[in-house]
Amino acid sequence: MSTQTIRVQGMTCGHCTSAVTSEITALGGVTDVAIDLHPGEISDVVITSDAPLSAESLAAAVDEAGYSIVE
């Protein structure tokens, strides 16, 4: 098991977290996504997966949901 934390900017509500969760969960091997929502600010997203996910795949998933990762 691998746990990674990313920081996502722009989420404001439950719909936002649902969209991000859905896109990340669609990546192979993801078993859990937990989001600590800070509306309109930077939110922490903790991803649990079978193996580490690439930064590129996570960025693409978050982008597909309409948000961006903050380094």
Protein backbone atom coordinates (compact mmCIF):
# COMPACT_ATOMS: atom_id res chain seq x y z
CA MET A 1 0.00 0.00 0.00
CA SER A 2 1.07 3.52 -0.77
CA THR A 3 -0.26 6.80 0.61
CA GLN A 4 0.30 10.11 -1.18
CA THR A 5 -0.89 13.60 -0.30
CA ILE A 6 -1.47 16.27 -2.90
CA ARG A 7 -2.70 19.83 -2.47
CA VAL A 8 -5.55 20.96 -4.71
CA GLN A 9 -6.64 24.54 -5.29
CA GLY A 10 -10.13 25.80 -6.06
CA MET A 11 -12.53 23.29 -4.54
CA THR A 12 -15.44 24.95 -2.72
CA CYS A 13 -18.08 22.31 -1.99
CA GLY A 14 -19.12 18.68 -1.86
CA HIS A 15 -19.65 18.58 -5.63
CA CYS A 16 -16.03 19.66 -6.12
CA THR A 17 -14.71 16.96 -3.81
CA SER A 18 -16.92 14.38 -5.52
CA ALA A 19 -15.54 15.31 -8.96
CA VAL A 20 -11.92 15.09 -7.78
CA THR A 21 -12.57 11.84 -5.90
CA SER A 22 -14.22 10.30 -8.97
CA GLU A 23 -11.36 11.18 -11.32
CA ILE A 24 -8.63 9.98 -8.93
CA THR A 25 -10.51 6.78 -8.07
CA ALA A 26 -10.63 5.97 -11.79
CA LEU A 27 -6.83 5.63 -11.78
CA GLY A 28 -5.66 2.04 -11.53
CA GLY A 29 -4.95 0.71 -8.06
CA VAL A 30 -6.57 3.52 -6.05
CA THR A 31 -8.33 2.13 -2.97
CA ASP A 32 -9.28 5.34 -1.11
CA VAL A 33 -9.40 9.12 -1.52
CA ALA A 34 -9.87 11.40 1.51
CA ILE A 35 -10.22 15.16 1.09
CA ASP A 36 -9.80 17.77 3.84
CA LEU A 37 -11.86 20.54 2.18
CA HIS A 38 -10.96 24.17 2.83
CA PRO A 39 -13.51 26.00 0.62
CA GLY A 40 -11.87 28.41 -1.81
CA GLU A 41 -8.40 27.67 -0.45
CA ILE A 42 -5.92 24.82 -0.82
CA SER A 43 -7.27 21.42 0.26
CA ASP A 44 -5.27 18.32 1.14
CA VAL A 45 -6.15 15.16 -0.78
CA VAL A 46 -4.83 11.87 0.63
CA ILE A 47 -4.74 9.00 -1.85
CA THR A 48 -4.25 5.37 -0.86
CA SER A 49 -3.29 2.99 -3.65
CA ASP A 50 -1.67 -0.36 -4.31
CA ALA A 51 1.47 1.37 -5.62
CA PRO A 52 2.65 4.99 -5.89
CA LEU A 53 0.95 7.00 -8.63
CA SER A 54 2.90 9.27 -10.95
CA ALA A 55 2.67 13.01 -10.50
CA GLU A 56 1.59 13.26 -14.13
CA SER A 57 -1.36 10.89 -13.75
CA LEU A 58 -2.54 12.66 -10.59
CA ALA A 59 -2.22 16.09 -12.23
CA ALA A 60 -4.18 14.87 -15.27
CA ALA A 61 -6.96 13.42 -13.09
CA VAL A 62 -7.28 16.61 -11.03
CA ASP A 63 -7.19 18.71 -14.20
CA GLU A 64 -9.96 16.57 -15.73
CA ALA A 65 -12.09 17.39 -12.67
CA GLY A 66 -11.45 21.10 -13.30
CA TYR A 67 -8.90 21.88 -10.60
CA SER A 68 -5.15 22.12 -10.23
CA ILE A 69 -2.47 20.70 -7.98
CA VAL A 70 -0.40 23.19 -6.00
CA GLU A 71 3.27 22.29 -5.51
